[in-house]
Amino acid sequence: MEDIPKRKSNTLVLVAQRPHEEFPIFARCSTLHKLTRIAAYCLRFISNISNKMSKVTGLISVEELHKANLCLMKLAQKESFGSNRNEINSSKQLKGLNPFFDDVGILRVGERLTYSNYSYGKKHLII
């Protein structure tokens, strides 16, 4: 019998991973309304833990819903664009929009309608 030459087999291993979701709550809630209410209750819980003398109970107020909505916008922007402000300002995707952070930390469009008579929210849309 002749010696059959041995062939070296190459093994290729592929690992598939889902993109890392920093905030998985966005995928778990079916509506923005539900997500906002959950975030409002979470923020209230954190507030009640830190301020044991003045606990808030009862129905969620409009102010709490507004704070929760701002918090969710910041989280969504952080997940989409990262948190490094220098990277955002030099990003090729956003460069034409002249992005800036407003006084509460929300990323907005800059200089789009600066001299118009519209309100601040319409002049500088949230990205």
Foldseek 3Di string as FASTA:
>chain_A
DDDDDDDDDDDDDDDDDDPDDPDCVVVVDDDPVVQLLVQLVVVLVVVCVVCVPDRDDDDRDPVSSVVSVVVVQQSVCCRVQNDDPVCQCPPPVCVVQNWDADPVGFIWGPPQPVPDPDDPCVRTPGD
